[in-house]
């Protein structure tokens, strides 16, 4: 049996309110289930996606900043390498460098007892040339000699220094210094390309 509008008008006010409330709740349910909930879930998902994108942007920005730092570090290292290479003599310069070392000793007032260059030891792009040196002279003169070697325009290091009193026939303040010196030489072949070697 169908209920018409006249039937509803005849109902009491309380029943009309209950029917109105029921219709309101039914409409609210359909609105929530079919309209609001999907839109809300979509909004939540879009918010999560936005957070993920923002996190990715921050992470990639940090990576980009590190790339710039690494580029600057590489440029600094390349510059330092060029400075070091400029201080590494080539093979043809070694005799002149050895002469400079011996002249520095004589200028400091030392007598050379031993000056013995040994065979070069090859490394990556350079070689170490060990030199055994024994000099006699006053303490201050030995210090001046070591300082002169340290200030040479090319890389040369003095190691294994042993200072003792001079021989019996020498004056009291004369000392004998035994040391090793390493001269670093640039290996041109290490930087040549294979095609250049064939030529």
N, C-alpha and C. Protein backbone atom coordinates (compact mmCIF):
# COMPACT_ATOMS: atom_id res chain seq x y z
N UNK A 1 0.86 -1.19 0.00
CA UNK A 1 0.00 0.00 0.00
C UNK A 1 0.89 1.23 0.00
N UNK A 2 0.67 2.12 -0.96
CA UNK A 2 1.49 3.32 -1.12
C UNK A 2 1.07 4.38 -0.13
N UNK A 3 2.08 5.09 0.38
CA UNK A 3 1.81 6.18 1.33
C UNK A 3 1.93 7.48 0.55
N UNK A 4 0.86 8.26 0.59
CA UNK A 4 0.84 9.52 -0.15
C UNK A 4 1.14 10.69 0.77
N UNK A 5 1.17 11.87 0.18
CA UNK A 5 1.46 13.11 0.90
C UNK A 5 0.35 13.41 1.91
N UNK A 6 -0.90 13.09 1.53
CA UNK A 6 -2.03 13.35 2.44
C UNK A 6 -1.92 12.50 3.70
N UNK A 7 -1.43 11.24 3.51
CA UNK A 7 -1.27 10.35 4.66
C UNK A 7 -0.23 10.91 5.64
N UNK A 8 0.83 11.49 5.07
CA UNK A 8 1.89 12.05 5.92
C UNK A 8 1.37 13.27 6.67
N UNK A 9 0.49 14.06 6.00
CA UNK A 9 -0.05 15.26 6.64
C UNK A 9 -0.93 14.90 7.83
N UNK A 10 -1.57 13.73 7.77
CA UNK A 10 -2.46 13.32 8.84
C UNK A 10 -1.69 12.82 10.07
N UNK A 11 -0.40 12.51 9.90
CA UNK A 11 0.38 11.97 11.02
C UNK A 11 0.62 13.05 12.08
N UNK A 12 0.88 12.60 13.27
CA UNK A 12 1.15 13.54 14.37
C UNK A 12 2.52 14.21 14.15
N UNK A 13 2.71 15.29 14.86
CA UNK A 13 3.96 16.07 14.71
C UNK A 13 5.17 15.23 15.10
N UNK A 14 5.08 14.41 16.10
CA UNK A 14 6.20 13.57 16.55
C UNK A 14 6.61 12.59 15.46
N UNK A 15 5.60 11.97 14.81
CA UNK A 15 5.91 11.01 13.75
C UNK A 15 6.52 11.73 12.55
N UNK A 16 5.97 12.95 12.28
CA UNK A 16 6.55 13.72 11.17
C UNK A 16 8.03 14.04 11.44
N UNK A 17 8.33 14.38 12.69
CA UNK A 17 9.72 14.66 13.06
C UNK A 17 10.59 13.42 12.91
N UNK A 18 10.08 12.26 13.32
CA UNK A 18 10.83 11.01 13.19
C UNK A 18 11.11 10.69 11.73
N UNK A 19 10.08 10.87 10.88
CA UNK A 19 10.26 10.60 9.44
C UNK A 19 11.28 11.58 8.85
N UNK A 20 11.17 12.86 9.26
CA UNK A 20 12.12 13.87 8.78
C UNK A 20 13.55 13.55 9.22
N UNK A 21 13.66 13.13 10.48
CA UNK A 21 14.99 12.78 11.00
C UNK A 21 15.55 11.57 10.26
N UNK A 22 14.65 10.57 10.00
CA UNK A 22 15.07 9.37 9.26
C UNK A 22 15.54 9.74 7.87
N UNK A 23 14.79 10.61 7.18
CA UNK A 23 15.19 11.04 5.84
C UNK A 23 16.52 11.81 5.88
N UNK A 24 16.66 12.64 6.91
CA UNK A 24 17.91 13.42 7.05
C UNK A 24 19.11 12.50 7.25
N UNK A 25 18.90 11.47 8.14
CA UNK A 25 19.98 10.52 8.39
C UNK A 25 20.30 9.70 7.14
N UNK A 26 19.26 9.31 6.41
CA UNK A 26 19.45 8.54 5.19
C UNK A 26 20.22 9.35 4.15
N UNK A 27 19.82 10.63 3.99
CA UNK A 27 20.53 11.51 3.06
C UNK A 27 21.98 11.73 3.52
N UNK A 28 22.15 11.89 4.84
CA UNK A 28 23.50 12.07 5.39
C UNK A 28 24.37 10.86 5.13
N UNK A 29 23.78 9.67 5.28
CA UNK A 29 24.54 8.44 5.04
C UNK A 29 25.01 8.38 3.59
N UNK A 30 24.03 8.62 2.66
CA UNK A 30 24.39 8.57 1.24
C UNK A 30 25.43 9.65 0.90
N UNK A 31 25.28 10.83 1.49
CA UNK A 31 26.24 11.91 1.24
C UNK A 31 27.64 11.50 1.72
N UNK A 32 27.68 10.94 2.95
CA UNK A 32 28.98 10.51 3.51
C UNK A 32 29.60 9.39 2.69
N UNK A 33 28.77 8.39 2.37
CA UNK A 33 29.30 7.19 1.74
C UNK A 33 29.72 7.44 0.28
N UNK A 34 28.89 8.23 -0.46
CA UNK A 34 29.14 8.40 -1.89
C UNK A 34 29.88 9.68 -2.27
N UNK A 35 29.82 10.70 -1.42
CA UNK A 35 30.45 11.97 -1.78
C UNK A 35 31.61 12.36 -0.85
N UNK A 36 31.30 12.48 0.45
CA UNK A 36 32.30 13.04 1.37
C UNK A 36 33.48 12.09 1.59
N UNK A 37 33.19 10.79 1.88
CA UNK A 37 34.27 9.86 2.20
C UNK A 37 35.27 9.70 1.04
N UNK A 38 34.83 9.49 -0.21
CA UNK A 38 35.81 9.40 -1.31
C UNK A 38 36.64 10.68 -1.46
N UNK A 39 35.95 11.84 -1.31
CA UNK A 39 36.69 13.11 -1.44
C UNK A 39 37.70 13.26 -0.30
N UNK A 40 37.30 12.84 0.91
CA UNK A 40 38.19 12.94 2.07
C UNK A 40 39.41 12.02 1.89
N UNK A 41 39.14 10.77 1.44
CA UNK A 41 40.24 9.83 1.22
C UNK A 41 41.18 10.34 0.14
N UNK A 42 40.61 10.93 -0.92
CA UNK A 42 41.43 11.49 -1.99
C UNK A 42 42.29 12.63 -1.47
N UNK A 43 41.69 13.46 -0.60
CA UNK A 43 42.43 14.58 -0.02
C UNK A 43 43.60 14.07 0.84
N UNK A 44 43.33 13.02 1.66
CA UNK A 44 44.38 12.44 2.50
C UNK A 44 45.50 11.89 1.64
N UNK A 45 45.12 11.17 0.56
CA UNK A 45 46.14 10.58 -0.32
C UNK A 45 46.95 11.68 -1.01
N UNK A 46 46.27 12.74 -1.45
CA UNK A 46 47.00 13.85 -2.08
C UNK A 46 47.95 14.51 -1.09
N UNK A 47 47.51 14.61 0.17
CA UNK A 47 48.38 15.18 1.21
C UNK A 47 49.63 14.33 1.42
N UNK A 48 49.44 12.98 1.46
CA UNK A 48 50.58 12.08 1.62
C UNK A 48 51.52 12.18 0.42
N UNK A 49 50.91 12.24 -0.79
CA UNK A 49 51.74 12.38 -2.00
C UNK A 49 52.54 13.68 -1.97
N UNK A 50 51.90 14.75 -1.49
CA UNK A 50 52.59 16.04 -1.41
C UNK A 50 53.76 15.96 -0.43
N UNK A 51 53.54 15.31 0.72
CA UNK A 51 54.63 15.13 1.70
C UNK A 51 55.79 14.34 1.10
N UNK A 52 55.45 13.26 0.37
CA UNK A 52 56.50 12.44 -0.27
C UNK A 52 57.29 13.27 -1.28
N UNK A 53 56.56 14.06 -2.08
CA UNK A 53 57.22 14.90 -3.08
C UNK A 53 58.13 15.92 -2.40
N UNK A 54 57.64 16.53 -1.31
CA UNK A 54 58.46 17.51 -0.58
C UNK A 54 59.72 16.86 0.00
N UNK A 55 59.56 15.62 0.53
CA UNK A 55 60.72 14.90 1.05
C UNK A 55 61.73 14.61 -0.06
N UNK A 56 61.21 14.19 -1.22
CA UNK A 56 62.10 13.91 -2.36
C UNK A 56 62.83 15.18 -2.80
N UNK A 57 62.10 16.31 -2.79
CA UNK A 57 62.72 17.59 -3.18
C UNK A 57 63.86 17.93 -2.22
N UNK A 58 63.60 17.77 -0.89
CA UNK A 58 64.63 18.08 0.11
C UNK A 58 65.84 17.16 -0.08
N UNK A 59 65.57 15.84 -0.28
CA UNK A 59 66.66 14.86 -0.46
C UNK A 59 67.48 15.20 -1.70
N UNK A 60 66.78 15.50 -2.80
CA UNK A 60 67.51 15.80 -4.04
C UNK A 60 68.26 17.12 -3.94
N UNK A 61 67.71 18.06 -3.18
CA UNK A 61 68.42 19.33 -2.97
C UNK A 61 69.71 19.10 -2.18
N UNK A 62 69.62 18.20 -1.17
CA UNK A 62 70.81 17.87 -0.39
C UNK A 62 71.86 17.20 -1.29
N UNK A 63 71.40 16.28 -2.16
CA UNK A 63 72.32 15.61 -3.09
C UNK A 63 72.96 16.65 -4.02
N UNK A 64 72.13 17.57 -4.53
CA UNK A 64 72.64 18.62 -5.43
C UNK A 64 73.69 19.47 -4.71
N UNK A 65 73.43 19.80 -3.44
CA UNK A 65 74.40 20.58 -2.67
C UNK A 65 75.71 19.81 -2.50
N UNK A 66 75.59 18.49 -2.25
CA UNK A 66 76.80 17.68 -2.09
C UNK A 66 77.57 17.60 -3.40
N UNK A 67 76.85 17.53 -4.53
CA UNK A 67 77.52 17.49 -5.83
C UNK A 67 78.35 18.76 -6.01
N UNK A 68 77.76 19.91 -5.65
CA UNK A 68 78.51 21.17 -5.77
C UNK A 68 79.74 21.16 -4.86
N UNK A 69 79.57 20.64 -3.63
CA UNK A 69 80.71 20.56 -2.71
C UNK A 69 81.79 19.65 -3.28
N UNK A 70 81.35 18.49 -3.86
CA UNK A 70 82.33 17.56 -4.44
C UNK A 70 83.04 18.19 -5.63
N UNK A 71 82.30 18.95 -6.46
CA UNK A 71 82.93 19.63 -7.60
C UNK A 71 83.99 20.61 -7.11
N UNK A 72 83.66 21.36 -6.07
CA UNK A 72 84.64 22.32 -5.52
C UNK A 72 85.85 21.58 -4.95
N UNK A 73 85.59 20.45 -4.26
CA UNK A 73 86.69 19.66 -3.68
C UNK A 73 87.58 19.09 -4.78
N UNK A 74 86.95 18.60 -5.87
CA UNK A 74 87.72 18.06 -6.99
C UNK A 74 88.57 19.16 -7.62
N UNK A 75 87.97 20.34 -7.80
CA UNK A 75 88.71 21.47 -8.37
C UNK A 75 89.89 21.84 -7.48
N UNK A 76 89.65 21.82 -6.15
CA UNK A 76 90.73 22.15 -5.20
C UNK A 76 91.85 21.11 -5.27
N UNK A 77 91.47 19.82 -5.35
CA UNK A 77 92.46 18.75 -5.43
C UNK A 77 93.25 18.81 -6.74
N UNK A 78 92.54 19.13 -7.84
CA UNK A 78 93.24 19.25 -9.13
C UNK A 78 94.24 20.40 -9.10
N UNK A 79 93.82 21.49 -8.44
CA UNK A 79 94.73 22.63 -8.32
C UNK A 79 95.96 22.25 -7.48
N UNK A 80 95.72 21.51 -6.38
CA UNK A 80 96.83 21.06 -5.53
C UNK A 80 97.74 20.11 -6.30
N UNK A 81 97.13 19.24 -7.12
CA UNK A 81 97.93 18.31 -7.93
C UNK A 81 98.81 19.06 -8.92
N UNK A 82 98.25 20.10 -9.54
CA UNK A 82 99.06 20.89 -10.48
C UNK A 82 100.24 21.57 -9.77
N UNK A 83 99.98 22.04 -8.54
CA UNK A 83 101.07 22.66 -7.76
C UNK A 83 102.15 21.63 -7.46
N UNK A 84 101.71 20.42 -7.05
CA UNK A 84 102.67 19.36 -6.74
C UNK A 84 103.44 18.95 -7.99
N UNK A 85 102.72 18.80 -9.12
CA UNK A 85 103.39 18.42 -10.36
C UNK A 85 104.42 19.47 -10.78
N UNK A 86 104.10 20.74 -10.49
CA UNK A 86 105.05 21.81 -10.82
C UNK A 86 106.32 21.70 -9.97
N UNK A 87 106.19 21.07 -8.79
CA UNK A 87 107.35 20.93 -7.91
C UNK A 87 108.10 19.62 -8.15
N UNK A 88 107.53 18.75 -8.98
CA UNK A 88 108.21 17.49 -9.29
C UNK A 88 109.11 17.71 -10.50
N UNK A 89 110.42 17.53 -10.35
CA UNK A 89 111.30 17.71 -11.51
C UNK A 89 111.15 16.56 -12.49
N UNK A 90 111.45 16.84 -13.73
CA UNK A 90 111.52 15.78 -14.73
C UNK A 90 112.92 15.17 -14.69
N UNK A 91 113.09 14.06 -15.38
CA UNK A 91 114.35 13.33 -15.30
C UNK A 91 115.54 14.19 -15.70
N UNK A 92 115.34 15.02 -16.73
CA UNK A 92 116.46 15.83 -17.21
C UNK A 92 116.91 16.88 -16.18
N UNK A 93 116.02 17.19 -15.21
CA UNK A 93 116.36 18.21 -14.20
C UNK A 93 117.08 17.63 -12.98
N UNK A 94 117.10 16.30 -12.85
CA UNK A 94 117.65 15.66 -11.64
C UNK A 94 119.13 16.01 -11.42
N UNK A 95 119.99 15.91 -12.43
CA UNK A 95 121.40 16.27 -12.16
C UNK A 95 121.56 17.69 -11.63
N UNK A 96 120.79 18.63 -12.20
CA UNK A 96 120.88 20.02 -11.73
C UNK A 96 120.38 20.13 -10.29
N UNK A 97 119.31 19.36 -9.96
CA UNK A 97 118.77 19.39 -8.60
C UNK A 97 119.78 18.82 -7.61
N UNK A 98 120.44 17.72 -7.97
CA UNK A 98 121.47 17.14 -7.10
C UNK A 98 122.63 18.12 -6.90
N UNK A 99 122.96 18.82 -7.97
CA UNK A 99 124.01 19.85 -7.86
C UNK A 99 123.58 20.95 -6.90
N UNK A 100 122.29 21.34 -6.99
CA UNK A 100 121.76 22.38 -6.08
C UNK A 100 121.86 21.94 -4.63
N UNK A 101 121.59 20.66 -4.37
CA UNK A 101 121.66 20.13 -3.00
C UNK A 101 123.10 20.20 -2.49
N UNK A 102 124.03 19.74 -3.32
CA UNK A 102 125.43 19.75 -2.87
C UNK A 102 125.94 21.19 -2.70
N UNK A 103 125.50 22.10 -3.58
CA UNK A 103 125.90 23.50 -3.43
C UNK A 103 125.33 24.10 -2.15
N UNK A 104 124.08 23.71 -1.80
CA UNK A 104 123.47 24.20 -0.56
C UNK A 104 124.29 23.76 0.64
N UNK A 105 124.83 22.53 0.60
CA UNK A 105 125.68 22.04 1.70
C UNK A 105 126.99 22.80 1.78
N UNK A 106 127.62 23.00 0.63
CA UNK A 106 128.89 23.74 0.63
C UNK A 106 128.69 25.19 1.06
N UNK A 107 127.57 25.80 0.58
CA UNK A 107 127.28 27.20 0.97
C UNK A 107 127.06 27.31 2.48
N UNK A 108 126.54 26.24 3.09
CA UNK A 108 126.31 26.25 4.53
C UNK A 108 127.60 25.99 5.31
N UNK A 109 128.68 25.68 4.59
CA UNK A 109 129.97 25.45 5.25
C UNK A 109 130.21 24.01 5.65
N UNK A 110 129.51 23.08 4.98
CA UNK A 110 129.66 21.66 5.33
C UNK A 110 130.64 20.97 4.39
N UNK A 111 131.24 19.90 4.89
CA UNK A 111 132.07 19.03 4.07
C UNK A 111 131.29 17.75 3.81
N UNK A 112 131.20 17.35 2.53
CA UNK A 112 130.50 16.12 2.17
C UNK A 112 131.45 14.94 2.29
N UNK A 113 131.06 14.01 3.17
CA UNK A 113 131.81 12.77 3.31
C UNK A 113 131.22 11.73 2.34
N UNK A 114 129.88 11.78 2.17
CA UNK A 114 129.20 10.83 1.28
C UNK A 114 128.04 11.55 0.60
N UNK A 115 127.92 11.35 -0.69
CA UNK A 115 126.77 11.86 -1.46
C UNK A 115 126.48 10.81 -2.52
N UNK A 116 125.56 9.89 -2.19
CA UNK A 116 125.37 8.69 -3.02
C UNK A 116 123.91 8.56 -3.48
N UNK A 117 123.61 9.05 -4.70
CA UNK A 117 122.27 8.81 -5.27
C UNK A 117 122.10 7.33 -5.62
N UNK A 118 120.90 6.81 -5.35
CA UNK A 118 120.62 5.41 -5.64
C UNK A 118 119.59 5.32 -6.77
N UNK A 119 119.27 4.09 -7.15
CA UNK A 119 118.34 3.87 -8.27
C UNK A 119 116.94 4.37 -7.92
N UNK A 120 116.25 5.00 -8.88
CA UNK A 120 114.90 5.50 -8.63
C UNK A 120 113.93 4.35 -8.33
N UNK A 121 112.96 4.63 -7.45
CA UNK A 121 111.90 3.67 -7.12
C UNK A 121 110.60 4.23 -7.70
N UNK A 122 110.03 3.53 -8.70
CA UNK A 122 108.83 4.03 -9.39
C UNK A 122 107.58 3.88 -8.55
N UNK A 123 106.75 4.91 -8.57
CA UNK A 123 105.43 4.89 -7.94
C UNK A 123 104.40 5.06 -9.06
N UNK A 124 103.24 5.68 -8.77
CA UNK A 124 102.20 5.83 -9.79
C UNK A 124 102.65 6.72 -10.95
N UNK A 125 102.78 8.00 -10.68
CA UNK A 125 103.15 8.95 -11.73
C UNK A 125 104.47 9.65 -11.39
N UNK A 126 105.14 9.16 -10.35
CA UNK A 126 106.40 9.76 -9.95
C UNK A 126 107.36 8.66 -9.50
N UNK A 127 108.60 9.05 -9.31
CA UNK A 127 109.61 8.11 -8.79
C UNK A 127 110.34 8.78 -7.63
N UNK A 128 110.73 7.97 -6.67
CA UNK A 128 111.55 8.47 -5.56
C UNK A 128 113.02 8.14 -5.86
N UNK A 129 113.85 9.14 -5.73
CA UNK A 129 115.29 8.90 -5.90
C UNK A 129 115.93 9.04 -4.52
N UNK A 130 116.31 7.91 -3.89
CA UNK A 130 116.95 7.99 -2.57
C UNK A 130 118.42 8.43 -2.71
N UNK A 131 118.86 9.24 -1.78
CA UNK A 131 120.25 9.71 -1.76
C UNK A 131 120.75 9.58 -0.33
N UNK A 132 121.86 8.86 -0.17
CA UNK A 132 122.50 8.78 1.16
C UNK A 132 123.49 9.93 1.27
N UNK A 133 123.39 10.69 2.36
CA UNK A 133 124.26 11.86 2.53
C UNK A 133 124.92 11.79 3.91
N UNK A 134 126.20 12.06 3.94
CA UNK A 134 126.92 12.23 5.20
C UNK A 134 127.71 13.53 5.07
N UNK A 135 127.46 14.44 6.01
CA UNK A 135 128.17 15.73 6.00
C UNK A 135 128.80 15.97 7.36
N UNK A 136 129.83 16.79 7.35
CA UNK A 136 130.47 17.20 8.61
C UNK A 136 130.46 18.72 8.67
N UNK A 137 130.16 19.23 9.88
CA UNK A 137 130.17 20.66 10.08
C UNK A 137 129.56 21.01 11.42
N UNK A 138 129.42 22.31 11.65
CA UNK A 138 128.83 22.77 12.91
C UNK A 138 127.31 22.55 12.89
N UNK A 139 126.76 22.48 14.10
CA UNK A 139 125.32 22.20 14.23
C UNK A 139 124.48 23.22 13.45
N UNK A 140 124.80 24.51 13.62
CA UNK A 140 124.04 25.56 12.92
C UNK A 140 124.16 25.42 11.41
N UNK A 141 125.34 25.02 10.93
CA UNK A 141 125.54 24.85 9.49
C UNK A 141 124.70 23.68 8.96
N UNK A 142 124.63 22.62 9.74
CA UNK A 142 123.79 21.46 9.34
C UNK A 142 122.32 21.89 9.28
N UNK A 143 121.88 22.68 10.28
CA UNK A 143 120.49 23.16 10.29
C UNK A 143 120.21 24.04 9.08
N UNK A 144 121.17 24.92 8.72
CA UNK A 144 121.01 25.79 7.55
C UNK A 144 120.90 24.94 6.28
N UNK A 145 121.71 23.89 6.19
CA UNK A 145 121.66 23.00 5.03
C UNK A 145 120.28 22.33 4.91
N UNK A 146 119.78 21.78 6.03
CA UNK A 146 118.47 21.12 6.01
C UNK A 146 117.37 22.12 5.61
N UNK A 147 117.48 23.35 6.11
CA UNK A 147 116.49 24.38 5.77
C UNK A 147 116.58 24.73 4.28
N UNK A 148 117.79 24.80 3.74
CA UNK A 148 117.97 25.11 2.32
C UNK A 148 117.35 24.03 1.45
N UNK A 149 117.51 22.75 1.84
CA UNK A 149 116.92 21.64 1.08
C UNK A 149 115.39 21.73 1.15
N UNK A 150 114.87 22.06 2.34
CA UNK A 150 113.41 22.16 2.50
C UNK A 150 112.83 23.28 1.65
N UNK A 151 113.61 24.31 1.38
CA UNK A 151 113.12 25.46 0.61
C UNK A 151 113.47 25.40 -0.87
N UNK A 152 113.98 24.26 -1.33
CA UNK A 152 114.24 24.12 -2.77
C UNK A 152 112.91 24.22 -3.53
N UNK A 153 112.93 24.72 -4.77
CA UNK A 153 111.68 24.85 -5.52
C UNK A 153 111.09 23.50 -5.92
N UNK A 154 111.85 22.43 -5.79
CA UNK A 154 111.37 21.09 -6.08
C UNK A 154 111.22 20.30 -4.78
N UNK A 155 110.43 19.22 -4.83
CA UNK A 155 110.16 18.44 -3.62
C UNK A 155 111.36 17.55 -3.30
N UNK A 156 111.94 17.75 -2.12
CA UNK A 156 113.04 16.91 -1.62
C UNK A 156 112.89 16.84 -0.10
N UNK A 157 112.85 15.63 0.44
CA UNK A 157 112.68 15.45 1.88
C UNK A 157 113.89 14.77 2.49
N UNK A 158 114.29 15.26 3.64
CA UNK A 158 115.39 14.63 4.39
C UNK A 158 114.78 13.83 5.54
N UNK A 159 115.19 12.56 5.64
CA UNK A 159 114.67 11.67 6.69
C UNK A 159 115.83 10.92 7.33
N UNK A 160 115.50 10.16 8.36
CA UNK A 160 116.47 9.27 9.04
C UNK A 160 117.75 10.01 9.41
N UNK A 161 117.60 11.16 10.03
CA UNK A 161 118.77 11.97 10.39
C UNK A 161 119.41 11.41 11.67
N UNK A 162 120.74 11.23 11.60
CA UNK A 162 121.49 10.80 12.79
C UNK A 162 122.71 11.72 12.91
N UNK A 163 122.76 12.46 14.01
CA UNK A 163 123.87 13.40 14.22
C UNK A 163 124.73 12.89 15.38
N UNK A 164 126.03 12.85 15.14
CA UNK A 164 126.95 12.41 16.19
C UNK A 164 128.22 13.26 16.13
N UNK A 165 129.07 13.09 17.09
CA UNK A 165 130.34 13.85 17.10
C UNK A 165 131.18 13.42 15.92
N UNK A 166 131.98 14.38 15.42
CA UNK A 166 132.87 14.09 14.30
C UNK A 166 133.97 13.13 14.70
N UNK A 167 134.83 12.81 13.75
CA UNK A 167 135.94 11.88 14.01
C UNK A 167 136.95 12.46 15.00
N UNK A 168 137.95 11.64 15.37
CA UNK A 168 138.95 12.05 16.37
C UNK A 168 139.78 13.24 15.90
N UNK A 169 140.01 13.31 14.61
CA UNK A 169 140.87 14.36 14.09
C UNK A 169 140.14 15.70 13.90
N UNK A 170 138.86 15.75 14.19
CA UNK A 170 138.08 16.99 13.97
C UNK A 170 138.00 17.81 15.24
N UNK A 171 137.57 19.06 15.06
CA UNK A 171 137.40 19.95 16.22
C UNK A 171 136.24 19.47 17.09
N UNK A 172 136.18 19.99 18.32
CA UNK A 172 135.14 19.57 19.27
C UNK A 172 133.74 19.88 18.78
N UNK A 173 133.53 21.06 18.17
CA UNK A 173 132.18 21.45 17.80
C UNK A 173 131.77 20.97 16.41
N UNK A 174 132.58 20.12 15.79
CA UNK A 174 132.24 19.58 14.47
C UNK A 174 131.44 18.29 14.67
N UNK A 175 130.32 18.22 13.97
CA UNK A 175 129.43 17.06 14.05
C UNK A 175 129.37 16.37 12.70
N UNK A 176 128.98 15.10 12.76
CA UNK A 176 128.77 14.34 11.52
C UNK A 176 127.28 14.00 11.45
N UNK A 177 126.66 14.34 10.33
CA UNK A 177 125.23 14.05 10.15
C UNK A 177 125.06 13.05 9.02
N UNK A 178 124.44 11.90 9.35
CA UNK A 178 124.06 10.90 8.34
C UNK A 178 122.56 11.03 8.12
N UNK A 179 122.15 11.05 6.87
CA UNK A 179 120.71 11.16 6.60
C UNK A 179 120.38 10.57 5.24
N UNK A 180 119.10 10.37 5.03
CA UNK A 180 118.60 9.95 3.72
C UNK A 180 117.82 11.12 3.15
N UNK A 181 117.95 11.33 1.87
CA UNK A 181 117.15 12.35 1.20
C UNK A 181 116.38 11.67 0.09
N UNK A 182 115.12 12.06 -0.08
CA UNK A 182 114.32 11.53 -1.18
C UNK A 182 113.97 12.69 -2.09
N UNK A 183 114.33 12.53 -3.35
CA UNK A 183 113.95 13.51 -4.37
C UNK A 183 112.84 12.85 -5.18
N UNK A 184 111.79 13.60 -5.45
CA UNK A 184 110.65 13.06 -6.17
C UNK A 184 110.69 13.55 -7.61
N UNK A 185 110.65 12.61 -8.56
CA UNK A 185 110.76 12.92 -9.97
C UNK A 185 109.47 12.56 -10.70
N UNK A 186 109.02 13.44 -11.55
CA UNK A 186 107.81 13.22 -12.36
C UNK A 186 108.13 12.22 -13.47
N UNK A 187 107.29 11.18 -13.59
CA UNK A 187 107.47 10.20 -14.66
C UNK A 187 106.63 10.61 -15.86
N UNK A 188 107.27 11.06 -16.90
CA UNK A 188 106.54 11.52 -18.09
C UNK A 188 105.79 10.38 -18.74
N UNK A 189 106.36 9.16 -18.74
CA UNK A 189 105.72 8.03 -19.40
C UNK A 189 104.37 7.69 -18.80
N UNK A 190 104.21 7.96 -17.49
CA UNK A 190 102.94 7.63 -16.82
C UNK A 190 101.81 8.46 -17.38
N UNK A 191 102.11 9.67 -17.88
CA UNK A 191 101.07 10.56 -18.41
C UNK A 191 100.90 10.45 -19.91
N UNK A 192 101.77 9.68 -20.58
CA UNK A 192 101.63 9.52 -22.02
C UNK A 192 100.51 8.55 -22.32
N UNK A 193 99.79 8.82 -23.39
CA UNK A 193 98.74 7.92 -23.82
C UNK A 193 99.38 6.75 -24.57
N UNK A 194 98.71 5.59 -24.66
CA UNK A 194 99.27 4.45 -25.36
C UNK A 194 99.65 4.78 -26.80
N UNK A 195 98.81 5.57 -27.52
CA UNK A 195 99.10 5.94 -28.91
C UNK A 195 100.41 6.72 -29.00
N UNK A 196 100.64 7.62 -28.00
CA UNK A 196 101.85 8.43 -28.02
C UNK A 196 103.08 7.55 -27.81
N UNK A 197 102.93 6.50 -26.95
CA UNK A 197 104.06 5.60 -26.70
C UNK A 197 104.43 4.85 -27.98
N UNK A 198 103.39 4.44 -28.78
CA UNK A 198 103.65 3.73 -30.01
C UNK A 198 104.43 4.61 -30.98
N UNK A 199 104.07 5.90 -31.04
CA UNK A 199 104.76 6.83 -31.93
C UNK A 199 106.22 6.95 -31.52
